[in-house]
Amino acid sequence: MKFKLNNVRLSFPHLVTPQVSDKGTASFNCCFLLDPQSDQWKNLQVSVGELAKLTWGDNSEGILKKIATKNNCRFYGDGEEKLDKQGNIYAGYEGMKYVGAKNPVGGREILHIVDHLAKQHPLGSSEYQRLAEQLYGGCYVNAIIQIWAHKASPKNNMSDGVKATLLAVQFNAEGGRFGSAPEPIDFSAEFAPIKKDLPFLKD
């Protein structure tokens, strides 16, 4: 089931060099930030509900509630779930919803970057490379993801889940960069001159 995201903030983009997970799998991926009050977020939840109904039938509501308690079984969630190593919420995530999507290296779906003329450029092309390098964390983009569900499989040690595959991204607008350098501090304004004689400063 394809879903279009419009003018959402891009975060943690790995669109040029694939990211390798702890399990050794590599993928191109990123996160998008959505306003929880937006129609876009509400529509996404409707689509997830429809997908769950198709996958689990009458058990869909219960399974979605169970999935909601496991962030590794879903591609979306509250921004407050995303913490750095010090336990702080990542910049831009507080009060927002996040959507994560990835495209595995060697996967069936080819990732595309769409330029300002709406022309698509596939992964591996020089134009894809150039455009992907311009997509930074903090800018606003349009994107298409494909959401899908998988049933629990004890044989493969897999739980019920809903995931998203990243299909296409398009730059939409500039935004404040995440992780940008802090404002320079004038430390001289914080200290006063030392008026007394200091022995080690004498000739």
C-alpha atoms as a PDB file:
ATOM      1  CA  MET A   1       0.000   0.000   0.000  1.00  0.00           C
ATOM      2  CA  LYS A   2       1.643   3.230  -1.163  1.00  0.00           C
ATOM      3  CA  PHE A   3       1.400   6.417   0.888  1.00  0.00           C
ATOM      4  CA  LYS A   4       2.458   9.957  -0.063  1.00  0.00           C
ATOM      5  CA  LEU A   5       4.055  12.295   2.472  1.00  0.00           C
ATOM      6  CA  ASN A   6       3.949  16.009   1.655  1.00  0.00           C
ATOM      7  CA  ASN A   7       6.241  18.706   3.035  1.00  0.00           C
ATOM      8  CA  VAL A   8       7.546  16.664   5.973  1.00  0.00           C
ATOM      9  CA  ARG A   9      10.819  17.318   7.755  1.00  0.00           C
ATOM     10  CA  LEU A  10      13.642  14.953   6.891  1.00  0.00           C
ATOM     11  CA  SER A  11      15.772  13.436   9.664  1.00  0.00           C
ATOM     12  CA  PHE A  12      18.736  11.078   9.801  1.00  0.00           C
ATOM     13  CA  PRO A  13      18.994  10.630   6.023  1.00  0.00           C
ATOM     14  CA  HIS A  14      21.125   7.731   4.829  1.00  0.00           C
ATOM     15  CA  LEU A  15      20.466   8.172   1.142  1.00  0.00           C
ATOM     16  CA  VAL A  16      23.991   8.284  -0.293  1.00  0.00           C
ATOM     17  CA  THR A  17      25.790   5.614   1.718  1.00  0.00           C
ATOM     18  CA  PRO A  18      23.759   2.713   3.128  1.00  0.00           C
ATOM     19  CA  GLN A  19      23.587   2.301   6.871  1.00  0.00           C
ATOM     20  CA  VAL A  20      24.622  -1.047   8.340  1.00  0.00           C
ATOM     21  CA  SER A  21      22.535  -2.286  11.275  1.00  0.00           C
ATOM     22  CA  ASP A  22      23.754  -4.215  14.309  1.00  0.00           C
ATOM     23  CA  LYS A  23      22.551  -7.366  12.553  1.00  0.00           C
ATOM     24  CA  GLY A  24      24.771  -6.643   9.549  1.00  0.00           C
ATOM     25  CA  THR A  25      21.990  -5.703   7.121  1.00  0.00           C
ATOM     26  CA  ALA A  26      22.489  -2.588   4.996  1.00  0.00           C
ATOM     27  CA  SER A  27      19.821  -0.172   3.815  1.00  0.00           C
ATOM     28  CA  PHE A  28      19.191   3.330   2.579  1.00  0.00           C
ATOM     29  CA  ASN A  29      16.854   4.927   5.088  1.00  0.00           C
ATOM     30  CA  CYS A  30      15.576   8.053   6.791  1.00  0.00           C
ATOM     31  CA  CYS A  31      12.928   9.384   9.137  1.00  0.00           C
ATOM     32  CA  PHE A  32      10.203  11.942   8.526  1.00  0.00           C
ATOM     33  CA  LEU A  33       8.608  14.179  11.159  1.00  0.00           C
ATOM     34  CA  LEU A  34       4.851  14.817  11.094  1.00  0.00           C
ATOM     35  CA  ASP A  35       2.575  17.067  13.121  1.00  0.00           C
ATOM     36  CA  PRO A  36       0.335  14.777  15.218  1.00  0.00           C
ATOM     37  CA  GLN A  37      -2.624  17.077  14.542  1.00  0.00           C
ATOM     38  CA  SER A  38      -2.176  17.047  10.775  1.00  0.00           C
ATOM     39  CA  ASP A  39      -4.552  15.322   8.373  1.00  0.00           C
ATOM     40  CA  GLN A  40      -1.496  13.598   6.956  1.00  0.00           C
ATOM     41  CA  TRP A  41      -0.797  11.774  10.226  1.00  0.00           C
ATOM     42  CA  LYS A  42      -4.476  10.898  10.665  1.00  0.00           C
ATOM     43  CA  ASN A  43      -4.661   9.555   7.112  1.00  0.00           C
ATOM     44  CA  LEU A  44      -1.568   7.438   7.712  1.00  0.00           C
ATOM     45  CA  GLN A  45      -3.201   5.866  10.760  1.00  0.00           C
ATOM     46  CA  VAL A  46      -6.293   5.099   8.683  1.00  0.00           C
ATOM     47  CA  SER A  47      -4.114   3.413   6.066  1.00  0.00           C
ATOM     48  CA  VAL A  48      -2.318   1.372   8.743  1.00  0.00           C
ATOM     49  CA  GLY A  49      -5.702   0.288  10.096  1.00  0.00           C
ATOM     50  CA  GLU A  50      -6.861  -0.791   6.643  1.00  0.00           C
ATOM     51  CA  LEU A  51      -3.644  -2.718   6.072  1.00  0.00           C
ATOM     52  CA  ALA A  52      -3.976  -4.409   9.460  1.00  0.00           C
ATOM     53  CA  LYS A  53      -7.544  -5.414   8.658  1.00  0.00           C
ATOM     54  CA  LEU A  54      -6.412  -7.015   5.405  1.00  0.00           C
ATOM     55  CA  THR A  55      -3.590  -8.842   7.184  1.00  0.00           C
ATOM     56  CA  TRP A  56      -5.112  -9.954  10.475  1.00  0.00           C
ATOM     57  CA  GLY A  57      -8.856  -9.630   9.916  1.00  0.00           C
ATOM     58  CA  ASP A  58     -10.922  -9.422  13.091  1.00  0.00           C
ATOM     59  CA  ASN A  59      -7.773  -9.567  15.224  1.00  0.00           C
ATOM     60  CA  SER A  60      -6.312  -6.416  13.689  1.00  0.00           C
ATOM     61  CA  GLU A  61      -7.184  -3.978  16.489  1.00  0.00           C
ATOM     62  CA  GLY A  62      -5.699  -6.179  19.181  1.00  0.00           C
ATOM     63  CA  ILE A  63      -2.557  -6.824  17.178  1.00  0.00           C
ATOM     64  CA  LEU A  64      -2.063  -3.106  16.464  1.00  0.00           C
ATOM     65  CA  LYS A  65      -2.344  -2.389  20.192  1.00  0.00           C
ATOM     66  CA  LYS A  66       0.320  -5.019  20.826  1.00  0.00           C
ATOM     67  CA  ILE A  67       2.525  -3.608  18.076  1.00  0.00           C
ATOM     68  CA  ALA A  68       2.157  -0.139  19.622  1.00  0.00           C
ATOM     69  CA  THR A  69       4.149  -1.355  22.655  1.00  0.00           C
ATOM     70  CA  LYS A  70       7.084  -2.506  20.507  1.00  0.00           C
ATOM     71  CA  ASN A  71       8.838   0.187  18.510  1.00  0.00           C
ATOM     72  CA  ASN A  72      10.853  -2.406  16.580  1.00  0.00           C
ATOM     73  CA  CYS A  73       7.614  -3.837  15.170  1.00  0.00           C
ATOM     74  CA  ARG A  74       6.314  -0.599  13.629  1.00  0.00           C
ATOM     75  CA  PHE A  75       7.619   2.161  11.390  1.00  0.00           C
ATOM     76  CA  TYR A  76       5.965   5.072  13.201  1.00  0.00           C
ATOM     77  CA  GLY A  77       5.647   6.433  16.721  1.00  0.00           C
ATOM     78  CA  ASP A  78       5.958   9.344  19.128  1.00  0.00           C
ATOM     79  CA  GLY A  79       8.963  11.583  18.722  1.00  0.00           C
ATOM     80  CA  GLU A  80       9.703  11.251  22.435  1.00  0.00           C
ATOM     81  CA  GLU A  81      10.700   7.625  21.808  1.00  0.00           C
ATOM     82  CA  LYS A  82      13.764   8.762  19.881  1.00  0.00           C
ATOM     83  CA  LEU A  83      16.547   9.347  22.398  1.00  0.00           C
ATOM     84  CA  ASP A  84      20.275   9.925  22.040  1.00  0.00           C
ATOM     85  CA  LYS A  85      22.896   8.076  24.084  1.00  0.00           C
ATOM     86  CA  GLN A  86      22.452  10.547  26.942  1.00  0.00           C
ATOM     87  CA  GLY A  87      18.717   9.887  27.067  1.00  0.00           C
ATOM     88  CA  ASN A  88      17.732  13.224  25.515  1.00  0.00           C
ATOM     89  CA  ILE A  89      15.023  13.564  22.873  1.00  0.00           C
ATOM     90  CA  TYR A  90      16.536  14.285  19.481  1.00  0.00           C
ATOM     91  CA  ALA A  91      16.217  17.840  18.193  1.00  0.00           C
ATOM     92  CA  GLY A  92      12.965  18.419  16.348  1.00  0.00           C
ATOM     93  CA  TYR A  93      11.277  15.253  17.643  1.00  0.00           C
ATOM     94  CA  GLU A  94       9.566  16.587  20.751  1.00  0.00           C
ATOM     95  CA  GLY A  95       5.802  16.875  20.251  1.00  0.00           C
ATOM     96  CA  MET A  96       6.026  15.295  16.807  1.00  0.00           C
ATOM     97  CA  LYS A  97       5.321  11.908  15.245  1.00  0.00           C
ATOM     98  CA  TYR A  98       8.003  10.091  13.306  1.00  0.00           C
ATOM     99  CA  VAL A  99       7.806   7.803  10.297  1.00  0.00           C
ATOM    100  CA  GLY A 100      10.803   5.655   9.450  1.00  0.00           C
ATOM    101  CA  ALA A 101      11.304   3.979   6.097  1.00  0.00           C
ATOM    102  CA  LYS A 102      14.152   2.053   4.552  1.00  0.00           C
ATOM    103  CA  ASN A 103      15.133   0.431   1.298  1.00  0.00           C
ATOM    104  CA  PRO A 104      17.405  -2.610   1.749  1.00  0.00           C
ATOM    105  CA  VAL A 105      20.505  -2.891  -0.379  1.00  0.00           C
ATOM    106  CA  GLY A 106      19.693  -5.397  -3.099  1.00  0.00           C
ATOM    107  CA  GLY A 107      15.967  -5.165  -2.385  1.00  0.00           C
ATOM    108  CA  ARG A 108      13.215  -5.531  -4.955  1.00  0.00           C
ATOM    109  CA  GLU A 109      12.199  -1.862  -4.969  1.00  0.00           C
ATOM    110  CA  ILE A 110      14.567   0.697  -6.497  1.00  0.00           C
ATOM    111  CA  LEU A 111      14.920   3.935  -4.534  1.00  0.00           C
ATOM    112  CA  HIS A 112      14.493   7.157  -6.520  1.00  0.00           C
ATOM    113  CA  ILE A 113      15.247  10.823  -5.963  1.00  0.00           C
ATOM    114  CA  VAL A 114      12.802  13.128  -7.750  1.00  0.00           C
ATOM    115  CA  ASP A 115      14.126  16.508  -8.885  1.00  0.00           C
ATOM    116  CA  HIS A 116      12.344  19.884  -8.965  1.00  0.00           C
ATOM    117  CA  LEU A 117      11.005  19.119 -12.447  1.00  0.00           C
ATOM    118  CA  ALA A 118       9.416  15.905 -11.114  1.00  0.00           C
ATOM    119  CA  LYS A 119      11.885  13.783 -13.069  1.00  0.00           C
ATOM    120  CA  GLN A 120      12.921  10.630 -11.211  1.00  0.00           C
ATOM    121  CA  HIS A 121      16.505   9.448 -10.908  1.00  0.00           C
ATOM    122  CA  PRO A 122      17.170   5.864  -9.756  1.00  0.00           C
ATOM    123  CA  LEU A 123      19.711   4.769  -7.192  1.00  0.00           C
ATOM    124  CA  GLY A 124      23.047   4.254  -8.883  1.00  0.00           C
ATOM    125  CA  SER A 125      22.739   7.154 -11.319  1.00  0.00           C
ATOM    126  CA  SER A 126      25.039  10.166 -11.063  1.00  0.00           C
ATOM    127  CA  GLU A 127      22.064  12.504 -10.785  1.00  0.00           C
ATOM    128  CA  TYR A 128      20.677  10.480  -7.874  1.00  0.00           C
ATOM    129  CA  GLN A 129      24.010  10.874  -6.116  1.00  0.00           C
ATOM    130  CA  ARG A 130      24.085  14.639  -6.667  1.00  0.00           C
ATOM    131  CA  LEU A 131      20.508  15.199  -5.515  1.00  0.00           C
ATOM    132  CA  ALA A 132      20.759  12.851  -2.533  1.00  0.00           C
ATOM    133  CA  GLU A 133      23.765  14.756  -1.217  1.00  0.00           C
ATOM    134  CA  GLN A 134      21.600  17.886  -1.059  1.00  0.00           C
ATOM    135  CA  LEU A 135      18.993  16.248   1.181  1.00  0.00           C
ATOM    136  CA  TYR A 136      20.069  17.105   4.703  1.00  0.00           C
ATOM    137  CA  GLY A 137      18.512  16.481   8.085  1.00  0.00           C
ATOM    138  CA  GLY A 138      16.185  19.408   8.756  1.00  0.00           C
ATOM    139  CA  CYS A 139      15.030  20.192   5.217  1.00  0.00           C
ATOM    140  CA  TYR A 140      11.468  19.557   4.066  1.00  0.00           C
ATOM    141  CA  VAL A 141      10.693  16.894   1.505  1.00  0.00           C
ATOM    142  CA  ASN A 142       7.949  15.030  -0.269  1.00  0.00           C
ATOM    143  CA  ALA A 143       8.200  11.255  -0.222  1.00  0.00           C
ATOM    144  CA  ILE A 144       6.454   8.066  -1.192  1.00  0.00           C
ATOM    145  CA  ILE A 145       6.617   5.029   1.056  1.00  0.00           C
ATOM    146  CA  GLN A 146       5.082   1.606   0.754  1.00  0.00           C
ATOM    147  CA  ILE A 147       3.601   0.282   3.968  1.00  0.00           C
ATOM    148  CA  TRP A 148       3.277  -3.455   4.491  1.00  0.00           C
ATOM    149  CA  ALA A 149       2.576  -5.926   7.262  1.00  0.00           C
ATOM    150  CA  HIS A 150       3.982  -9.298   8.229  1.00  0.00           C
ATOM    151  CA  LYS A 151       2.493 -11.982  10.397  1.00  0.00           C
ATOM    152  CA  ALA A 152       4.283 -13.593  13.294  1.00  0.00           C
ATOM    153  CA  SER A 153       6.482 -16.526  12.314  1.00  0.00           C
ATOM    154  CA  PRO A 154       8.032 -18.542  15.179  1.00  0.00           C
ATOM    155  CA  LYS A 155      10.091 -20.400  12.597  1.00  0.00           C
ATOM    156  CA  ASN A 156      11.837 -17.166  11.567  1.00  0.00           C
ATOM    157  CA  ASN A 157      11.681 -15.618  15.051  1.00  0.00           C
ATOM    158  CA  MET A 158       9.463 -12.862  13.643  1.00  0.00           C
ATOM    159  CA  SER A 159       6.681 -11.002  15.433  1.00  0.00           C
ATOM    160  CA  ASP A 160       3.630  -9.348  13.899  1.00  0.00           C
ATOM    161  CA  GLY A 161       4.600  -5.975  12.512  1.00  0.00           C
ATOM    162  CA  VAL A 162       3.974  -3.101  10.139  1.00  0.00           C
ATOM    163  CA  LYS A 163       6.902  -1.651   8.190  1.00  0.00           C
ATOM    164  CA  ALA A 164       7.581   0.882   5.450  1.00  0.00           C
ATOM    165  CA  THR A 165       9.778   0.731   2.370  1.00  0.00           C
ATOM    166  CA  LEU A 166      11.262   3.992   1.093  1.00  0.00           C
ATOM    167  CA  LEU A 167      10.476   4.440  -2.597  1.00  0.00           C
ATOM    168  CA  ALA A 168      11.108   8.071  -3.528  1.00  0.00           C
ATOM    169  CA  VAL A 169      12.144  11.407  -2.016  1.00  0.00           C
ATOM    170  CA  GLN A 170      11.919  14.941  -3.407  1.00  0.00           C
ATOM    171  CA  PHE A 171      13.393  18.113  -1.910  1.00  0.00           C
ATOM    172  CA  ASN A 172      10.612  20.591  -1.111  1.00  0.00           C
ATOM    173  CA  ALA A 173      11.966  23.437   1.044  1.00  0.00           C
ATOM    174  CA  GLU A 174      14.905  24.567   3.156  1.00  0.00           C
ATOM    175  CA  GLY A 175      14.835  24.074   6.907  1.00  0.00           C
ATOM    176  CA  GLY A 176      17.109  24.521   9.894  1.00  0.00           C
ATOM    177  CA  ARG A 177      19.752  21.827   9.850  1.00  0.00           C
ATOM    178  CA  PHE A 178      19.692  19.269  12.640  1.00  0.00           C
ATOM    179  CA  GLY A 179      23.006  18.971  14.434  1.00  0.00           C
ATOM    180  CA  SER A 180      24.291  22.290  13.108  1.00  0.00           C
ATOM    181  CA  ALA A 181      27.230  23.915  14.856  1.00  0.00           C
ATOM    182  CA  PRO A 182      26.322  25.898  17.984  1.00  0.00           C
ATOM    183  CA  GLU A 183      26.397  29.679  18.002  1.00  0.00           C
ATOM    184  CA  PRO A 184      29.901  31.020  18.800  1.00  0.00           C
ATOM    185  CA  ILE A 185      30.285  32.189  22.382  1.00  0.00           C
ATOM    186  CA  ASP A 186      32.220  35.314  23.305  1.00  0.00           C
ATOM    187  CA  PHE A 187      33.922  34.016  26.428  1.00  0.00           C
ATOM    188  CA  SER A 188      35.747  37.316  26.953  1.00  0.00           C
ATOM    189  CA  ALA A 189      32.407  38.838  27.943  1.00  0.00           C
ATOM    190  CA  GLU A 190      32.148  36.287  30.764  1.00  0.00           C
ATOM    191  CA  PHE A 191      35.442  37.196  32.419  1.00  0.00           C
ATOM    192  CA  ALA A 192      36.840  40.373  33.957  1.00  0.00           C
ATOM    193  CA  PRO A 193      40.480  41.498  33.741  1.00  0.00           C
ATOM    194  CA  ILE A 194      42.736  40.423  36.608  1.00  0.00           C
ATOM    195  CA  LYS A 195      44.184  43.644  38.003  1.00  0.00           C
ATOM    196  CA  LYS A 196      46.613  42.273  40.578  1.00  0.00           C
ATOM    197  CA  ASP A 197      50.188  41.428  39.595  1.00  0.00           C
ATOM    198  CA  LEU A 198      50.712  37.809  38.637  1.00  0.00           C
ATOM    199  CA  PRO A 199      54.307  36.534  39.169  1.00  0.00           C
ATOM    200  CA  PHE A 200      54.317  34.195  36.181  1.00  0.00           C
ATOM    201  CA  LEU A 201      53.518  37.080  33.829  1.00  0.00           C
ATOM    202  CA  LYS A 202      56.586  39.059  34.813  1.00  0.00           C
ATOM    203  CA  ASP A 203      59.660  39.066  32.602  1.00  0.00           C
END
